[in-house]
Amino acid sequence: PSRDLAAYAGEYRSEAYGIVRVTSGGGSLQLEWMSWKLPLSHFHFDTFEGKLRERDAEGQIAEFALDAAGEP
């Protein structure tokens, strides 16, 4: 990732999805949306992947955009 994991933690708002929370702890990120709690693993640059089950072939992608100051 281009930033420390803690920099990605926070609340993100979307008109389509509402509030999504990202937490950081123990060297990993977790995405929380509604009743979902999805551990995220680093995929590429500012993109992370979360799988509901370890055996899932494909996961959900969380891509962070950085602002002009380099903050997610």
PDB file of N, CA and C in Angstrom:
ATOM      1  N   PRO A   1       0.829  -1.203   0.000  1.00  0.00           N
ATOM      2  CA  PRO A   1       0.000   0.000   0.000  1.00  0.00           C
ATOM      3  C   PRO A   1       0.870   1.263   0.000  1.00  0.00           C
ATOM      4  N   SER A   2       0.308   2.333  -0.508  1.00  0.00           N
ATOM      5  CA  SER A   2       1.076   3.571  -0.558  1.00  0.00           C
ATOM      6  C   SER A   2       1.080   4.301   0.783  1.00  0.00           C
ATOM      7  N   ARG A   3       0.234   3.898   1.709  1.00  0.00           N
ATOM      8  CA  ARG A   3       0.132   4.531   3.034  1.00  0.00           C
ATOM      9  C   ARG A   3       0.204   3.457   4.116  1.00  0.00           C
ATOM     10  N   ASP A   4       0.463   3.895   5.367  1.00  0.00           N
ATOM     11  CA  ASP A   4       0.340   2.977   6.499  1.00  0.00           C
ATOM     12  C   ASP A   4      -1.112   2.533   6.586  1.00  0.00           C
ATOM     13  N   LEU A   5      -1.352   1.320   7.042  1.00  0.00           N
ATOM     14  CA  LEU A   5      -2.726   0.805   7.096  1.00  0.00           C
ATOM     15  C   LEU A   5      -3.649   1.696   7.920  1.00  0.00           C
ATOM     16  N   ALA A   6      -3.153   2.266   8.994  1.00  0.00           N
ATOM     17  CA  ALA A   6      -3.989   3.112   9.854  1.00  0.00           C
ATOM     18  C   ALA A   6      -4.542   4.322   9.103  1.00  0.00           C
ATOM     19  N   ALA A   7      -3.858   4.766   8.044  1.00  0.00           N
ATOM     20  CA  ALA A   7      -4.323   5.925   7.277  1.00  0.00           C
ATOM     21  C   ALA A   7      -5.628   5.627   6.535  1.00  0.00           C
ATOM     22  N   TYR A   8      -5.916   4.375   6.256  1.00  0.00           N
ATOM     23  CA  TYR A   8      -7.137   4.003   5.544  1.00  0.00           C
ATOM     24  C   TYR A   8      -8.343   3.895   6.475  1.00  0.00           C
ATOM     25  N   ALA A   9      -8.115   3.843   7.767  1.00  0.00           N
ATOM     26  CA  ALA A   9      -9.212   3.694   8.730  1.00  0.00           C
ATOM     27  C   ALA A   9     -10.063   4.954   8.762  1.00  0.00           C
ATOM     28  N   GLY A  10     -11.368   4.755   8.900  1.00  0.00           N
ATOM     29  CA  GLY A  10     -12.283   5.879   9.001  1.00  0.00           C
ATOM     30  C   GLY A  10     -13.641   5.521   8.445  1.00  0.00           C
ATOM     31  N   GLU A  11     -14.504   6.532   8.379  1.00  0.00           N
ATOM     32  CA  GLU A  11     -15.830   6.346   7.811  1.00  0.00           C
ATOM     33  C   GLU A  11     -15.860   6.931   6.410  1.00  0.00           C
ATOM     34  N   TYR A  12     -16.446   6.182   5.518  1.00  0.00           N
ATOM     35  CA  TYR A  12     -16.593   6.601   4.135  1.00  0.00           C
ATOM     36  C   TYR A  12     -18.084   6.607   3.820  1.00  0.00           C
ATOM     37  N   ARG A  13     -18.529   7.645   3.122  1.00  0.00           N
ATOM     38  CA  ARG A  13     -19.956   7.786   2.804  1.00  0.00           C
ATOM     39  C   ARG A  13     -20.177   7.696   1.302  1.00  0.00           C
ATOM     40  N   SER A  14     -21.239   7.005   0.942  1.00  0.00           N
ATOM     41  CA  SER A  14     -21.623   6.848  -0.453  1.00  0.00           C
ATOM     42  C   SER A  14     -23.128   7.015  -0.541  1.00  0.00           C
ATOM     43  N   GLU A  15     -23.579   7.742  -1.550  1.00  0.00           N
ATOM     44  CA  GLU A  15     -25.032   7.877  -1.731  1.00  0.00           C
ATOM     45  C   GLU A  15     -25.660   6.528  -2.046  1.00  0.00           C
ATOM     46  N   ALA A  16     -24.926   5.658  -2.709  1.00  0.00           N
ATOM     47  CA  ALA A  16     -25.460   4.353  -3.079  1.00  0.00           C
ATOM     48  C   ALA A  16     -25.414   3.346  -1.933  1.00  0.00           C
ATOM     49  N   TYR A  17     -24.346   3.373  -1.120  1.00  0.00           N
ATOM     50  CA  TYR A  17     -24.139   2.340  -0.110  1.00  0.00           C
ATOM     51  C   TYR A  17     -24.284   2.820   1.326  1.00  0.00           C
ATOM     52  N   GLY A  18     -24.372   4.102   1.542  1.00  0.00           N
ATOM     53  CA  GLY A  18     -24.457   4.624   2.906  1.00  0.00           C
ATOM     54  C   GLY A  18     -23.080   4.717   3.530  1.00  0.00           C
ATOM     55  N   ILE A  19     -22.994   4.439   4.812  1.00  0.00           N
ATOM     56  CA  ILE A  19     -21.733   4.565   5.544  1.00  0.00           C
ATOM     57  C   ILE A  19     -21.006   3.227   5.583  1.00  0.00           C
ATOM     58  N   VAL A  20     -19.743   3.269   5.225  1.00  0.00           N
ATOM     59  CA  VAL A  20     -18.850   2.115   5.301  1.00  0.00           C
ATOM     60  C   VAL A  20     -17.746   2.492   6.274  1.00  0.00           C
ATOM     61  N   ARG A  21     -17.447   1.628   7.214  1.00  0.00           N
ATOM     62  CA  ARG A  21     -16.365   1.882   8.170  1.00  0.00           C
ATOM     63  C   ARG A  21     -15.197   0.962   7.855  1.00  0.00           C
ATOM     64  N   VAL A  22     -14.025   1.523   7.943  1.00  0.00           N
ATOM     65  CA  VAL A  22     -12.806   0.731   7.797  1.00  0.00           C
ATOM     66  C   VAL A  22     -12.027   0.894   9.089  1.00  0.00           C
ATOM     67  N   THR A  23     -11.685  -0.220   9.708  1.00  0.00           N
ATOM     68  CA  THR A  23     -10.909  -0.194  10.947  1.00  0.00           C
ATOM     69  C   THR A  23      -9.550  -0.844  10.710  1.00  0.00           C
ATOM     70  N   SER A  24      -8.603  -0.435  11.530  1.00  0.00           N
ATOM     71  CA  SER A  24      -7.245  -0.957  11.429  1.00  0.00           C
ATOM     72  C   SER A  24      -6.837  -1.496  12.792  1.00  0.00           C
ATOM     73  N   GLY A  25      -6.203  -2.652  12.787  1.00  0.00           N
ATOM     74  CA  GLY A  25      -5.719  -3.233  14.038  1.00  0.00           C
ATOM     75  C   GLY A  25      -5.025  -4.551  13.786  1.00  0.00           C
ATOM     76  N   GLY A  26      -3.989  -4.797  14.537  1.00  0.00           N
ATOM     77  CA  GLY A  26      -3.279  -6.063  14.407  1.00  0.00           C
ATOM     78  C   GLY A  26      -2.629  -6.262  13.051  1.00  0.00           C
ATOM     79  N   GLY A  27      -2.274  -5.173  12.384  1.00  0.00           N
ATOM     80  CA  GLY A  27      -1.613  -5.291  11.088  1.00  0.00           C
ATOM     81  C   GLY A  27      -2.526  -5.586   9.923  1.00  0.00           C
ATOM     82  N   SER A  28      -3.834  -5.342  10.092  1.00  0.00           N
ATOM     83  CA  SER A  28      -4.767  -5.593   8.989  1.00  0.00           C
ATOM     84  C   SER A  28      -5.910  -4.583   9.023  1.00  0.00           C
ATOM     85  N   LEU A  29      -6.682  -4.577   7.947  1.00  0.00           N
ATOM     86  CA  LEU A  29      -7.862  -3.730   7.840  1.00  0.00           C
ATOM     87  C   LEU A  29      -9.110  -4.591   7.845  1.00  0.00           C
ATOM     88  N   GLN A  30     -10.217  -3.993   8.296  1.00  0.00           N
ATOM     89  CA  GLN A  30     -11.507  -4.664   8.239  1.00  0.00           C
ATOM     90  C   GLN A  30     -12.538  -3.659   7.745  1.00  0.00           C
ATOM     91  N   LEU A  31     -13.343  -4.064   6.792  1.00  0.00           N
ATOM     92  CA  LEU A  31     -14.417  -3.238   6.255  1.00  0.00           C
ATOM     93  C   LEU A  31     -15.717  -3.650   6.939  1.00  0.00           C
ATOM     94  N   GLU A  32     -16.466  -2.684   7.425  1.00  0.00           N
ATOM     95  CA  GLU A  32     -17.749  -2.948   8.084  1.00  0.00           C
ATOM     96  C   GLU A  32     -18.833  -2.174   7.353  1.00  0.00           C
ATOM     97  N   TRP A  33     -19.816  -2.900   6.837  1.00  0.00           N
ATOM     98  CA  TRP A  33     -20.944  -2.292   6.137  1.00  0.00           C
ATOM     99  C   TRP A  33     -22.187  -3.082   6.492  1.00  0.00           C
ATOM    100  N   MET A  34     -23.174  -2.377   7.029  1.00  0.00           N
ATOM    101  CA  MET A  34     -24.390  -3.010   7.528  1.00  0.00           C
ATOM    102  C   MET A  34     -23.984  -4.137   8.488  1.00  0.00           C
ATOM    103  N   SER A  35     -24.358  -5.391   8.200  1.00  0.00           N
ATOM    104  CA  SER A  35     -23.991  -6.498   9.102  1.00  0.00           C
ATOM    105  C   SER A  35     -22.715  -7.208   8.654  1.00  0.00           C
ATOM    106  N   TRP A  36     -22.126  -6.779   7.546  1.00  0.00           N
ATOM    107  CA  TRP A  36     -20.890  -7.395   7.048  1.00  0.00           C
ATOM    108  C   TRP A  36     -19.686  -6.936   7.834  1.00  0.00           C
ATOM    109  N   LYS A  37     -18.786  -7.844   8.104  1.00  0.00           N
ATOM    110  CA  LYS A  37     -17.462  -7.539   8.638  1.00  0.00           C
ATOM    111  C   LYS A  37     -16.492  -8.336   7.782  1.00  0.00           C
ATOM    112  N   LEU A  38     -15.764  -7.627   6.959  1.00  0.00           N
ATOM    113  CA  LEU A  38     -14.961  -8.259   5.932  1.00  0.00           C
ATOM    114  C   LEU A  38     -13.486  -7.922   6.121  1.00  0.00           C
ATOM    115  N   PRO A  39     -12.651  -8.903   6.472  1.00  0.00           N
ATOM    116  CA  PRO A  39     -11.217  -8.636   6.569  1.00  0.00           C
ATOM    117  C   PRO A  39     -10.665  -8.310   5.184  1.00  0.00           C
ATOM    118  N   LEU A  40      -9.792  -7.317   5.121  1.00  0.00           N
ATOM    119  CA  LEU A  40      -9.203  -6.901   3.853  1.00  0.00           C
ATOM    120  C   LEU A  40      -7.727  -7.277   3.807  1.00  0.00           C
ATOM    121  N   SER A  41      -7.298  -7.773   2.667  1.00  0.00           N
ATOM    122  CA  SER A  41      -5.874  -8.041   2.465  1.00  0.00           C
ATOM    123  C   SER A  41      -5.404  -7.171   1.302  1.00  0.00           C
ATOM    124  N   HIS A  42      -4.149  -6.761   1.374  1.00  0.00           N
ATOM    125  CA  HIS A  42      -3.613  -5.891   0.338  1.00  0.00           C
ATOM    126  C   HIS A  42      -3.564  -6.623  -0.993  1.00  0.00           C
ATOM    127  N   PHE A  43      -4.006  -5.944  -2.042  1.00  0.00           N
ATOM    128  CA  PHE A  43      -4.015  -6.531  -3.386  1.00  0.00           C
ATOM    129  C   PHE A  43      -2.982  -5.844  -4.280  1.00  0.00           C
ATOM    130  N   HIS A  44      -3.074  -4.485  -4.398  1.00  0.00           N
ATOM    131  CA  HIS A  44      -2.176  -3.734  -5.276  1.00  0.00           C
ATOM    132  C   HIS A  44      -2.338  -2.253  -4.986  1.00  0.00           C
ATOM    133  N   PHE A  45      -1.238  -1.553  -4.727  1.00  0.00           N
ATOM    134  CA  PHE A  45      -1.254  -0.130  -4.401  1.00  0.00           C
ATOM    135  C   PHE A  45      -2.304   0.168  -3.332  1.00  0.00           C
ATOM    136  N   ASP A  46      -3.356   0.940  -3.679  1.00  0.00           N
ATOM    137  CA  ASP A  46      -4.394   1.316  -2.705  1.00  0.00           C
ATOM    138  C   ASP A  46      -5.655   0.478  -2.883  1.00  0.00           C
ATOM    139  N   THR A  47      -5.493  -0.726  -3.362  1.00  0.00           N
ATOM    140  CA  THR A  47      -6.603  -1.646  -3.578  1.00  0.00           C
ATOM    141  C   THR A  47      -6.441  -2.842  -2.644  1.00  0.00           C
ATOM    142  N   PHE A  48      -7.541  -3.196  -2.000  1.00  0.00           N
ATOM    143  CA  PHE A  48      -7.568  -4.310  -1.052  1.00  0.00           C
ATOM    144  C   PHE A  48      -8.667  -5.272  -1.469  1.00  0.00           C
ATOM    145  N   GLU A  49      -8.540  -6.524  -1.052  1.00  0.00           N
ATOM    146  CA  GLU A  49      -9.530  -7.547  -1.376  1.00  0.00           C
ATOM    147  C   GLU A  49     -10.029  -8.173  -0.087  1.00  0.00           C
ATOM    148  N   GLY A  50     -11.333  -8.391  -0.041  1.00  0.00           N
ATOM    149  CA  GLY A  50     -11.926  -9.059   1.101  1.00  0.00           C
ATOM    150  C   GLY A  50     -12.725 -10.261   0.658  1.00  0.00           C
ATOM    151  N   LYS A  51     -12.578 -11.352   1.389  1.00  0.00           N
ATOM    152  CA  LYS A  51     -13.331 -12.571   1.088  1.00  0.00           C
ATOM    153  C   LYS A  51     -14.167 -12.942   2.303  1.00  0.00           C
ATOM    154  N   LEU A  52     -15.427 -13.270   2.049  1.00  0.00           N
ATOM    155  CA  LEU A  52     -16.299 -13.686   3.139  1.00  0.00           C
ATOM    156  C   LEU A  52     -15.861 -15.025   3.704  1.00  0.00           C
ATOM    157  N   ARG A  53     -15.387 -15.908   2.816  1.00  0.00           N
ATOM    158  CA  ARG A  53     -14.897 -17.224   3.235  1.00  0.00           C
ATOM    159  C   ARG A  53     -13.542 -17.449   2.585  1.00  0.00           C
ATOM    160  N   GLU A  54     -12.650 -18.066   3.269  1.00  0.00           N
ATOM    161  CA  GLU A  54     -11.300 -18.307   2.770  1.00  0.00           C
ATOM    162  C   GLU A  54     -11.309 -19.069   1.448  1.00  0.00           C
ATOM    163  N   ARG A  55     -12.276 -19.940   1.274  1.00  0.00           N
ATOM    164  CA  ARG A  55     -12.305 -20.766   0.062  1.00  0.00           C
ATOM    165  C   ARG A  55     -12.897 -20.047  -1.151  1.00  0.00           C
ATOM    166  N   ASP A  56     -13.429 -18.841  -0.981  1.00  0.00           N
ATOM    167  CA  ASP A  56     -13.983 -18.094  -2.107  1.00  0.00           C
ATOM    168  C   ASP A  56     -12.884 -17.792  -3.121  1.00  0.00           C
ATOM    169  N   ALA A  57     -13.169 -18.065  -4.386  1.00  0.00           N
ATOM    170  CA  ALA A  57     -12.178 -17.821  -5.439  1.00  0.00           C
ATOM    171  C   ALA A  57     -11.972 -16.324  -5.651  1.00  0.00           C
ATOM    172  N   GLU A  58     -13.044 -15.558  -5.624  1.00  0.00           N
ATOM    173  CA  GLU A  58     -12.955 -14.119  -5.843  1.00  0.00           C
ATOM    174  C   GLU A  58     -13.508 -13.392  -4.631  1.00  0.00           C
ATOM    175  N   GLY A  59     -12.912 -12.264  -4.338  1.00  0.00           N
ATOM    176  CA  GLY A  59     -13.373 -11.472  -3.215  1.00  0.00           C
ATOM    177  C   GLY A  59     -13.977 -10.162  -3.670  1.00  0.00           C
ATOM    178  N   GLN A  60     -14.315  -9.357  -2.713  1.00  0.00           N
ATOM    179  CA  GLN A  60     -14.830  -8.019  -2.960  1.00  0.00           C
ATOM    180  C   GLN A  60     -13.652  -7.058  -2.973  1.00  0.00           C
ATOM    181  N   ILE A  61     -13.668  -6.101  -3.869  1.00  0.00           N
ATOM    182  CA  ILE A  61     -12.564  -5.159  -4.008  1.00  0.00           C
ATOM    183  C   ILE A  61     -12.921  -3.846  -3.319  1.00  0.00           C
ATOM    184  N   ALA A  62     -11.981  -3.325  -2.539  1.00  0.00           N
ATOM    185  CA  ALA A  62     -12.101  -1.998  -1.931  1.00  0.00           C
ATOM    186  C   ALA A  62     -10.923  -1.182  -2.445  1.00  0.00           C
ATOM    187  N   GLU A  63     -11.225  -0.170  -3.243  1.00  0.00           N
ATOM    188  CA  GLU A  63     -10.178   0.669  -3.822  1.00  0.00           C
ATOM    189  C   GLU A  63     -10.279   2.065  -3.227  1.00  0.00           C
ATOM    190  N   PHE A  64      -9.179   2.549  -2.684  1.00  0.00           N
ATOM    191  CA  PHE A  64      -9.145   3.856  -2.045  1.00  0.00           C
ATOM    192  C   PHE A  64      -8.543   4.870  -3.006  1.00  0.00           C
ATOM    193  N   ALA A  65      -9.208   6.005  -3.144  1.00  0.00           N
ATOM    194  CA  ALA A  65      -8.659   7.127  -3.918  1.00  0.00           C
ATOM    195  C   ALA A  65      -8.000   8.092  -2.937  1.00  0.00           C
ATOM    196  N   LEU A  66      -6.883   8.647  -3.336  1.00  0.00           N
ATOM    197  CA  LEU A  66      -6.169   9.596  -2.483  1.00  0.00           C
ATOM    198  C   LEU A  66      -6.476  11.014  -2.930  1.00  0.00           C
ATOM    199  N   ASP A  67      -6.636  11.923  -1.946  1.00  0.00           N
ATOM    200  CA  ASP A  67      -6.870  13.327  -2.283  1.00  0.00           C
ATOM    201  C   ASP A  67      -5.552  14.011  -2.620  1.00  0.00           C
ATOM    202  N   ALA A  68      -5.595  15.320  -2.848  1.00  0.00           N
ATOM    203  CA  ALA A  68      -4.399  16.070  -3.246  1.00  0.00           C
ATOM    204  C   ALA A  68      -3.301  16.019  -2.185  1.00  0.00           C
ATOM    205  N   ALA A  69      -3.692  15.813  -0.916  1.00  0.00           N
ATOM    206  CA  ALA A  69      -2.715  15.726   0.171  1.00  0.00           C
ATOM    207  C   ALA A  69      -2.211  14.300   0.373  1.00  0.00           C
ATOM    208  N   GLY A  70      -2.715  13.360  -0.442  1.00  0.00           N
ATOM    209  CA  GLY A  70      -2.295  11.968  -0.311  1.00  0.00           C
ATOM    210  C   GLY A  70      -3.050  11.186   0.739  1.00  0.00           C
ATOM    211  N   GLU A  71      -4.181  11.719   1.200  1.00  0.00           N
ATOM    212  CA  GLU A  71      -4.991  11.035   2.209  1.00  0.00           C
ATOM    213  C   GLU A  71      -6.124  10.270   1.544  1.00  0.00           C
ATOM    214  N   PRO A  72      -6.394   9.051   2.031  1.00  0.00           N
ATOM    215  CA  PRO A  72      -7.519   8.280   1.467  1.00  0.00           C
ATOM    216  C   PRO A  72      -8.858   8.944   1.738  1.00  0.00           C
TER     217      PRO A  72
END
